[in-house]
């Protein structure tokens, strides 16, 4: 009998062993309460329970240990469920449902990653699923605050530190 073991994730090229636990996402408002103290950039994960790409992002990308360490070091995390219409969130003087707020942040589908300043000012968003390498590049661009002084293209062309 021959036994084959697949030890790599095809979409990311990362080993599937030694993955970090899935992130326990704080609530949207909790992310801003934490950012008020830490002054970190806020990353909001807009998702849906029926979204296969969201599950793929959570299990294949967000579980990479180096990416997760960078996330926790550089960002405050929060989450919005695009499907929820019967909750109430207060944000910048508005009272909205999760769905309305996600839409106001430009999320027209899931997954969408929204980046915001600690005070709630909008920075940018990243629509759709992105494999580990591409997603980590965007996280580094935003998390190192390189976006304040250069374009993403310039950032990618610059020597890696």
N, C-alpha and C. Protein backbone atom coordinates (compact mmCIF):
# COMPACT_ATOMS: atom_id res chain seq x y z
N UNK A 1 0.85 -1.17 0.00
CA UNK A 1 0.00 0.00 0.00
C UNK A 1 0.90 1.24 0.00
N UNK A 2 0.53 2.24 -0.82
CA UNK A 2 1.27 3.49 -0.90
C UNK A 2 0.44 4.58 -0.25
N UNK A 3 1.10 5.35 0.59
CA UNK A 3 0.42 6.44 1.27
C UNK A 3 1.01 7.76 0.80
N UNK A 4 0.16 8.65 0.32
CA UNK A 4 0.59 9.97 -0.11
C UNK A 4 0.08 11.00 0.89
N UNK A 5 0.95 11.89 1.28
CA UNK A 5 0.56 12.96 2.18
C UNK A 5 0.86 14.28 1.50
N UNK A 6 -0.15 15.09 1.37
CA UNK A 6 0.02 16.41 0.77
C UNK A 6 0.28 17.39 1.90
N UNK A 7 1.47 17.98 1.93
CA UNK A 7 1.84 18.86 3.03
C UNK A 7 1.90 20.32 2.65
N UNK A 8 1.42 20.69 1.48
CA UNK A 8 1.46 22.10 1.10
C UNK A 8 0.09 22.55 0.65
N UNK A 9 -0.18 23.79 0.89
CA UNK A 9 -1.41 24.41 0.46
C UNK A 9 -1.18 24.92 -0.95
N UNK A 10 -1.94 24.42 -1.92
CA UNK A 10 -1.71 24.75 -3.31
C UNK A 10 -1.87 26.24 -3.59
N UNK A 11 -2.86 26.88 -2.98
CA UNK A 11 -3.11 28.28 -3.31
C UNK A 11 -2.11 29.24 -2.69
N UNK A 12 -1.44 28.84 -1.61
CA UNK A 12 -0.54 29.77 -0.94
C UNK A 12 0.90 29.33 -0.99
N UNK A 13 1.14 28.03 -1.22
CA UNK A 13 2.49 27.52 -1.19
C UNK A 13 3.03 27.39 0.21
N UNK A 14 2.20 27.63 1.22
CA UNK A 14 2.63 27.53 2.61
C UNK A 14 2.34 26.13 3.13
N UNK A 15 3.18 25.66 4.02
CA UNK A 15 2.95 24.35 4.63
C UNK A 15 1.65 24.39 5.41
N UNK A 16 0.88 23.30 5.34
CA UNK A 16 -0.39 23.26 6.05
C UNK A 16 -0.19 22.77 7.48
N UNK A 17 0.99 22.27 7.81
CA UNK A 17 1.26 21.95 9.20
C UNK A 17 1.76 23.22 9.87
N UNK A 18 1.69 23.26 11.17
CA UNK A 18 2.15 24.41 11.95
C UNK A 18 1.35 25.68 11.66
N UNK A 19 0.08 25.54 11.33
CA UNK A 19 -0.76 26.72 11.14
C UNK A 19 -1.13 27.30 12.50
N UNK A 20 -1.33 28.58 12.54
CA UNK A 20 -1.81 29.23 13.76
C UNK A 20 -3.30 28.96 13.89
N UNK A 21 -3.83 29.08 15.09
CA UNK A 21 -5.28 28.91 15.25
C UNK A 21 -6.02 30.00 14.48
N UNK A 22 -7.24 29.70 14.10
CA UNK A 22 -8.04 30.73 13.43
C UNK A 22 -8.23 31.91 14.36
N UNK A 23 -8.31 33.08 13.79
CA UNK A 23 -8.48 34.31 14.56
C UNK A 23 -9.87 34.35 15.17
N UNK A 24 -9.91 34.73 16.43
CA UNK A 24 -11.19 35.02 17.08
C UNK A 24 -11.41 36.52 16.92
N UNK A 25 -12.24 36.87 15.95
CA UNK A 25 -12.38 38.26 15.55
C UNK A 25 -13.16 39.08 16.58
N UNK A 26 -12.57 40.19 17.01
CA UNK A 26 -13.31 41.12 17.87
C UNK A 26 -14.45 41.77 17.08
N UNK A 27 -15.40 42.31 17.81
CA UNK A 27 -16.49 43.03 17.16
C UNK A 27 -15.97 44.35 16.61
N UNK A 28 -16.72 44.89 15.67
CA UNK A 28 -16.36 46.14 15.01
C UNK A 28 -16.04 47.24 16.02
N UNK A 29 -16.97 47.52 16.92
CA UNK A 29 -16.77 48.61 17.87
C UNK A 29 -15.61 48.34 18.82
N UNK A 30 -15.36 47.07 19.15
CA UNK A 30 -14.25 46.72 20.03
C UNK A 30 -12.90 47.04 19.37
N UNK A 31 -12.85 46.91 18.06
CA UNK A 31 -11.61 47.23 17.33
C UNK A 31 -11.26 48.71 17.50
N UNK A 32 -12.26 49.56 17.42
CA UNK A 32 -12.00 51.00 17.56
C UNK A 32 -11.74 51.41 19.00
N UNK A 33 -12.35 50.71 19.95
CA UNK A 33 -12.06 50.97 21.36
C UNK A 33 -10.59 50.64 21.64
N UNK A 34 -10.11 49.52 21.10
CA UNK A 34 -8.70 49.13 21.28
C UNK A 34 -7.78 50.10 20.54
N UNK A 35 -8.17 50.51 19.33
CA UNK A 35 -7.33 51.43 18.54
C UNK A 35 -7.22 52.80 19.18
N UNK A 36 -8.24 53.20 19.91
CA UNK A 36 -8.19 54.49 20.60
C UNK A 36 -7.02 54.51 21.58
N UNK A 37 -6.74 53.36 22.19
CA UNK A 37 -5.64 53.25 23.14
C UNK A 37 -4.31 52.98 22.43
N UNK A 38 -4.31 52.06 21.47
CA UNK A 38 -3.06 51.62 20.83
C UNK A 38 -2.60 52.52 19.69
N UNK A 39 -3.54 53.27 19.10
CA UNK A 39 -3.27 54.13 17.94
C UNK A 39 -2.89 53.33 16.69
N UNK A 40 -3.21 52.04 16.69
CA UNK A 40 -2.92 51.19 15.52
C UNK A 40 -3.98 51.40 14.44
N UNK A 41 -3.61 51.05 13.23
CA UNK A 41 -4.56 51.01 12.11
C UNK A 41 -5.55 49.88 12.37
N UNK A 42 -6.79 50.07 11.95
CA UNK A 42 -7.84 49.08 12.15
C UNK A 42 -8.07 48.32 10.85
N UNK A 43 -8.09 47.00 10.95
CA UNK A 43 -8.42 46.13 9.82
C UNK A 43 -9.78 45.53 10.12
N UNK A 44 -10.73 45.76 9.23
CA UNK A 44 -12.08 45.21 9.37
C UNK A 44 -12.28 44.13 8.30
N UNK A 45 -12.61 42.94 8.76
CA UNK A 45 -12.91 41.82 7.87
C UNK A 45 -14.42 41.80 7.64
N UNK A 46 -14.84 42.08 6.41
CA UNK A 46 -16.26 42.01 6.06
C UNK A 46 -16.48 40.64 5.44
N UNK A 47 -17.39 39.88 6.03
CA UNK A 47 -17.56 38.48 5.65
C UNK A 47 -19.04 38.12 5.61
N UNK A 48 -19.31 36.89 5.20
CA UNK A 48 -20.64 36.31 5.20
C UNK A 48 -20.51 34.84 5.52
N UNK A 49 -21.43 34.32 6.29
CA UNK A 49 -21.39 32.90 6.66
C UNK A 49 -21.55 31.99 5.45
N UNK A 50 -22.14 32.47 4.38
CA UNK A 50 -22.35 31.65 3.18
C UNK A 50 -21.24 31.81 2.15
N UNK A 51 -20.20 32.57 2.48
CA UNK A 51 -19.14 32.89 1.53
C UNK A 51 -18.01 31.87 1.60
N UNK A 52 -17.86 31.09 0.56
CA UNK A 52 -16.78 30.12 0.50
C UNK A 52 -15.40 30.76 0.45
N UNK A 53 -15.29 31.88 -0.23
CA UNK A 53 -14.01 32.59 -0.30
C UNK A 53 -13.62 33.14 1.07
N UNK A 54 -14.62 33.52 1.86
CA UNK A 54 -14.34 33.99 3.23
C UNK A 54 -13.74 32.86 4.06
N UNK A 55 -14.34 31.68 3.95
CA UNK A 55 -13.80 30.52 4.69
C UNK A 55 -12.39 30.20 4.24
N UNK A 56 -12.15 30.29 2.94
CA UNK A 56 -10.81 30.03 2.40
C UNK A 56 -9.81 31.06 2.94
N UNK A 57 -10.20 32.32 3.00
CA UNK A 57 -9.34 33.38 3.54
C UNK A 57 -9.01 33.08 5.02
N UNK A 58 -10.03 32.68 5.78
CA UNK A 58 -9.84 32.42 7.20
C UNK A 58 -8.95 31.20 7.46
N UNK A 59 -9.13 30.14 6.69
CA UNK A 59 -8.41 28.89 6.96
C UNK A 59 -7.05 28.79 6.28
N UNK A 60 -6.87 29.45 5.14
CA UNK A 60 -5.62 29.31 4.40
C UNK A 60 -4.69 30.52 4.51
N UNK A 61 -5.23 31.69 4.75
CA UNK A 61 -4.41 32.90 4.75
C UNK A 61 -4.22 33.42 6.18
N UNK A 62 -5.31 33.66 6.87
CA UNK A 62 -5.23 34.22 8.22
C UNK A 62 -4.62 33.25 9.24
N UNK A 63 -4.42 32.01 8.89
CA UNK A 63 -3.82 31.05 9.82
C UNK A 63 -2.31 30.91 9.62
N UNK A 64 -1.73 31.65 8.71
CA UNK A 64 -0.28 31.61 8.53
C UNK A 64 0.38 32.34 9.71
N UNK A 65 1.26 31.66 10.45
CA UNK A 65 1.81 32.24 11.68
C UNK A 65 2.51 33.59 11.50
N UNK A 66 3.30 33.77 10.46
CA UNK A 66 4.01 35.04 10.29
C UNK A 66 3.05 36.17 9.94
N UNK A 67 2.06 35.87 9.13
CA UNK A 67 1.04 36.86 8.78
C UNK A 67 0.24 37.23 10.02
N UNK A 68 -0.12 36.25 10.82
CA UNK A 68 -0.90 36.51 12.03
C UNK A 68 -0.10 37.36 13.02
N UNK A 69 1.18 37.07 13.18
CA UNK A 69 2.02 37.86 14.08
C UNK A 69 2.06 39.32 13.62
N UNK A 70 2.24 39.52 12.31
CA UNK A 70 2.26 40.87 11.77
C UNK A 70 0.92 41.58 12.02
N UNK A 71 -0.17 40.86 11.79
CA UNK A 71 -1.50 41.43 12.03
C UNK A 71 -1.64 41.92 13.47
N UNK A 72 -1.30 41.05 14.42
CA UNK A 72 -1.47 41.39 15.83
C UNK A 72 -0.52 42.51 16.26
N UNK A 73 0.65 42.59 15.63
CA UNK A 73 1.61 43.65 15.97
C UNK A 73 1.19 45.01 15.42
N UNK A 74 0.62 45.04 14.24
CA UNK A 74 0.40 46.30 13.51
C UNK A 74 -1.05 46.79 13.45
N UNK A 75 -2.01 45.94 13.73
CA UNK A 75 -3.41 46.29 13.52
C UNK A 75 -4.26 45.97 14.73
N UNK A 76 -5.36 46.67 14.85
CA UNK A 76 -6.48 46.24 15.69
C UNK A 76 -7.47 45.62 14.72
N UNK A 77 -8.04 44.50 15.10
CA UNK A 77 -8.90 43.73 14.21
C UNK A 77 -10.36 43.84 14.63
N UNK A 78 -11.23 43.85 13.62
CA UNK A 78 -12.66 43.84 13.85
C UNK A 78 -13.35 43.15 12.69
N UNK A 79 -14.63 42.91 12.84
CA UNK A 79 -15.34 42.15 11.83
C UNK A 79 -16.77 42.66 11.68
N UNK A 80 -17.26 42.59 10.44
CA UNK A 80 -18.65 42.90 10.12
C UNK A 80 -19.21 41.78 9.27
N UNK A 81 -20.39 41.29 9.63
CA UNK A 81 -21.08 40.28 8.83
C UNK A 81 -22.02 41.02 7.87
N UNK A 82 -21.74 40.90 6.59
CA UNK A 82 -22.51 41.61 5.56
C UNK A 82 -23.98 41.19 5.53
N UNK A 83 -24.30 40.01 6.07
CA UNK A 83 -25.67 39.51 6.04
C UNK A 83 -26.55 40.02 7.17
N UNK A 84 -25.95 40.62 8.20
CA UNK A 84 -26.72 41.00 9.39
C UNK A 84 -27.37 42.37 9.17
N UNK A 85 -28.70 42.36 9.24
CA UNK A 85 -29.47 43.59 9.02
C UNK A 85 -30.22 44.04 10.26
N UNK A 86 -30.26 43.21 11.30
CA UNK A 86 -31.10 43.52 12.45
C UNK A 86 -30.30 43.88 13.71
N UNK A 87 -29.03 44.22 13.56
CA UNK A 87 -28.25 44.67 14.71
C UNK A 87 -28.13 46.19 14.67
N UNK A 88 -27.52 46.76 15.69
CA UNK A 88 -27.36 48.20 15.76
C UNK A 88 -25.93 48.53 16.15
N UNK A 89 -25.24 49.25 15.28
CA UNK A 89 -23.88 49.70 15.55
C UNK A 89 -23.85 51.23 15.49
N UNK A 90 -23.11 51.81 16.39
CA UNK A 90 -22.91 53.26 16.36
C UNK A 90 -21.51 53.54 15.85
N UNK A 91 -21.42 54.40 14.84
CA UNK A 91 -20.12 54.72 14.28
C UNK A 91 -20.15 56.13 13.73
N UNK A 92 -19.27 56.98 14.24
CA UNK A 92 -19.11 58.36 13.80
C UNK A 92 -20.43 59.13 13.74
N UNK A 93 -21.24 58.93 14.76
CA UNK A 93 -22.50 59.66 14.86
C UNK A 93 -23.67 59.02 14.14
N UNK A 94 -23.47 57.88 13.51
CA UNK A 94 -24.53 57.19 12.80
C UNK A 94 -24.88 55.90 13.54
N UNK A 95 -26.13 55.49 13.43
CA UNK A 95 -26.57 54.20 13.95
C UNK A 95 -27.00 53.37 12.75
N UNK A 96 -26.31 52.26 12.55
CA UNK A 96 -26.48 51.46 11.34
C UNK A 96 -26.47 49.97 11.67
N UNK A 97 -27.00 49.17 10.76
CA UNK A 97 -26.83 47.72 10.87
C UNK A 97 -25.45 47.36 10.32
N UNK A 98 -25.00 46.16 10.61
CA UNK A 98 -23.71 45.70 10.07
C UNK A 98 -23.71 45.79 8.55
N UNK A 99 -24.80 45.38 7.92
CA UNK A 99 -24.89 45.42 6.46
C UNK A 99 -24.79 46.84 5.93
N UNK A 100 -25.48 47.76 6.56
CA UNK A 100 -25.44 49.16 6.12
C UNK A 100 -24.04 49.75 6.30
N UNK A 101 -23.42 49.46 7.44
CA UNK A 101 -22.09 49.98 7.70
C UNK A 101 -21.07 49.40 6.73
N UNK A 102 -21.15 48.09 6.49
CA UNK A 102 -20.24 47.45 5.53
C UNK A 102 -20.40 48.09 4.15
N UNK A 103 -21.63 48.33 3.75
CA UNK A 103 -21.89 48.99 2.47
C UNK A 103 -21.33 50.40 2.45
N UNK A 104 -21.47 51.12 3.56
CA UNK A 104 -20.93 52.47 3.66
C UNK A 104 -19.41 52.50 3.57
N UNK A 105 -18.78 51.40 3.95
CA UNK A 105 -17.33 51.29 3.86
C UNK A 105 -16.88 50.76 2.50
N UNK A 106 -17.83 50.56 1.59
CA UNK A 106 -17.51 50.16 0.23
C UNK A 106 -17.52 48.67 -0.03
N UNK A 107 -17.95 47.88 0.94
CA UNK A 107 -18.00 46.43 0.74
C UNK A 107 -19.25 46.07 -0.06
N UNK A 108 -19.05 45.71 -1.31
CA UNK A 108 -20.17 45.30 -2.14
C UNK A 108 -20.27 43.79 -2.24
N UNK A 109 -19.31 43.09 -1.68
CA UNK A 109 -19.29 41.64 -1.66
C UNK A 109 -18.33 41.17 -0.59
N UNK A 110 -18.20 39.88 -0.48
CA UNK A 110 -17.31 39.30 0.53
C UNK A 110 -16.35 38.32 -0.11
N UNK A 111 -15.19 38.17 0.48
CA UNK A 111 -14.66 38.97 1.58
C UNK A 111 -14.18 40.33 1.10
N UNK A 112 -14.24 41.29 2.00
CA UNK A 112 -13.66 42.61 1.78
C UNK A 112 -12.87 42.97 3.03
N UNK A 113 -11.66 43.45 2.84
CA UNK A 113 -10.82 43.89 3.95
C UNK A 113 -10.76 45.41 3.90
N UNK A 114 -11.19 46.05 4.98
CA UNK A 114 -11.23 47.51 5.05
C UNK A 114 -10.17 47.97 6.05
N UNK A 115 -9.39 48.95 5.65
CA UNK A 115 -8.35 49.53 6.50
C UNK A 115 -8.77 50.94 6.89
N UNK A 116 -8.68 51.22 8.20
CA UNK A 116 -9.11 52.51 8.72
C UNK A 116 -8.13 53.02 9.76
N UNK A 117 -8.10 54.34 9.91
CA UNK A 117 -7.30 54.96 10.95
C UNK A 117 -7.93 54.65 12.31
N UNK A 118 -7.16 54.84 13.36
CA UNK A 118 -7.66 54.58 14.72
C UNK A 118 -8.87 55.45 15.05
N UNK A 119 -8.97 56.62 14.43
CA UNK A 119 -10.10 57.52 14.69
C UNK A 119 -11.30 57.23 13.79
N UNK A 120 -11.21 56.19 12.97
CA UNK A 120 -12.32 55.81 12.11
C UNK A 120 -12.25 56.36 10.70
N UNK A 121 -11.24 57.15 10.39
CA UNK A 121 -11.10 57.66 9.02
C UNK A 121 -10.73 56.51 8.08
N UNK A 122 -11.34 56.53 6.92
CA UNK A 122 -11.15 55.49 5.91
C UNK A 122 -9.77 55.61 5.25
N UNK A 123 -9.08 54.48 5.09
CA UNK A 123 -7.81 54.46 4.35
C UNK A 123 -8.05 53.85 2.97
N UNK A 124 -8.43 52.58 2.93
CA UNK A 124 -8.69 51.90 1.65
C UNK A 124 -9.36 50.57 1.95
N UNK A 125 -9.70 49.85 0.89
CA UNK A 125 -10.26 48.50 1.04
C UNK A 125 -9.68 47.58 -0.02
N UNK A 126 -9.73 46.30 0.28
CA UNK A 126 -9.26 45.26 -0.62
C UNK A 126 -10.41 44.29 -0.81
N UNK A 127 -10.93 44.23 -2.01
CA UNK A 127 -12.08 43.36 -2.30
C UNK A 127 -11.61 41.96 -2.67
N UNK A 128 -12.36 40.97 -2.26
CA UNK A 128 -12.16 39.60 -2.70
C UNK A 128 -11.10 38.83 -1.93
N UNK A 129 -10.99 37.56 -2.28
CA UNK A 129 -9.98 36.67 -1.71
C UNK A 129 -8.62 36.96 -2.34
N UNK A 130 -7.60 36.95 -1.51
CA UNK A 130 -6.23 37.11 -1.99
C UNK A 130 -5.36 36.08 -1.32
N UNK A 131 -4.56 35.37 -2.10
CA UNK A 131 -3.67 34.35 -1.57
C UNK A 131 -2.64 34.98 -0.65
N UNK A 132 -2.02 34.16 0.15
CA UNK A 132 -1.08 34.57 1.20
C UNK A 132 -0.09 35.64 0.75
N UNK A 133 0.70 35.38 -0.27
CA UNK A 133 1.76 36.31 -0.68
C UNK A 133 1.20 37.69 -1.04
N UNK A 134 0.17 37.72 -1.84
CA UNK A 134 -0.42 38.99 -2.26
C UNK A 134 -1.05 39.73 -1.07
N UNK A 135 -1.75 38.99 -0.23
CA UNK A 135 -2.40 39.60 0.92
C UNK A 135 -1.37 40.16 1.90
N UNK A 136 -0.31 39.40 2.13
CA UNK A 136 0.73 39.85 3.06
C UNK A 136 1.42 41.10 2.54
N UNK A 137 1.61 41.20 1.22
CA UNK A 137 2.19 42.42 0.64
C UNK A 137 1.32 43.64 0.96
N UNK A 138 0.02 43.50 0.83
CA UNK A 138 -0.89 44.61 1.12
C UNK A 138 -0.85 44.93 2.62
N UNK A 139 -0.84 43.91 3.47
CA UNK A 139 -0.76 44.14 4.91
C UNK A 139 0.52 44.89 5.27
N UNK A 140 1.63 44.52 4.67
CA UNK A 140 2.90 45.20 4.95
C UNK A 140 2.85 46.66 4.47
N UNK A 141 2.26 46.89 3.30
CA UNK A 141 2.14 48.24 2.76
C UNK A 141 1.34 49.14 3.70
N UNK A 142 0.22 48.63 4.19
CA UNK A 142 -0.63 49.42 5.08
C UNK A 142 -0.05 49.43 6.50
N UNK A 143 0.34 48.28 7.01
CA UNK A 143 0.79 48.15 8.39
C UNK A 143 2.07 48.90 8.71
N UNK A 144 2.95 49.05 7.73
CA UNK A 144 4.18 49.84 7.94
C UNK A 144 3.95 51.32 7.65
N UNK A 145 2.74 51.65 7.29
CA UNK A 145 2.32 53.00 6.94
C UNK A 145 3.07 53.56 5.73
N UNK A 146 3.57 52.67 4.89
CA UNK A 146 4.23 53.08 3.65
C UNK A 146 3.26 53.78 2.71
N UNK A 147 1.96 53.48 2.84
CA UNK A 147 0.96 54.11 1.98
C UNK A 147 0.93 55.63 2.14
N UNK A 148 1.47 56.13 3.23
CA UNK A 148 1.48 57.58 3.48
C UNK A 148 2.51 58.31 2.61
N UNK A 149 3.51 57.59 2.11
CA UNK A 149 4.60 58.25 1.39
C UNK A 149 4.87 57.71 0.00
N UNK A 150 4.22 56.61 -0.38
CA UNK A 150 4.47 56.05 -1.71
C UNK A 150 3.28 55.24 -2.19
N UNK A 151 3.27 54.98 -3.48
CA UNK A 151 2.23 54.13 -4.07
C UNK A 151 2.56 52.66 -3.78
N UNK A 152 1.58 51.81 -3.96
CA UNK A 152 1.80 50.37 -3.77
C UNK A 152 2.84 49.86 -4.76
N UNK A 153 2.80 50.37 -5.98
CA UNK A 153 3.77 49.96 -7.00
C UNK A 153 5.20 50.33 -6.57
N UNK A 154 5.37 51.53 -6.02
CA UNK A 154 6.68 51.94 -5.53
C UNK A 154 7.12 51.07 -4.35
N UNK A 155 6.19 50.76 -3.48
CA UNK A 155 6.47 49.91 -2.33
C UNK A 155 6.96 48.53 -2.79
N UNK A 156 6.28 47.97 -3.78
CA UNK A 156 6.64 46.63 -4.26
C UNK A 156 7.99 46.65 -4.99
N UNK A 157 8.34 47.77 -5.61
CA UNK A 157 9.61 47.87 -6.34
C UNK A 157 10.79 48.16 -5.41
N UNK A 158 10.51 48.67 -4.22
CA UNK A 158 11.58 49.03 -3.27
C UNK A 158 12.20 47.76 -2.68
N UNK A 159 13.50 47.85 -2.32
CA UNK A 159 14.14 46.70 -1.68
C UNK A 159 13.41 46.34 -0.37
N UNK A 160 13.25 45.05 -0.13
CA UNK A 160 12.58 44.60 1.10
C UNK A 160 13.50 44.81 2.29
N UNK A 161 12.91 45.32 3.37
CA UNK A 161 13.69 45.57 4.60
C UNK A 161 13.66 44.38 5.50
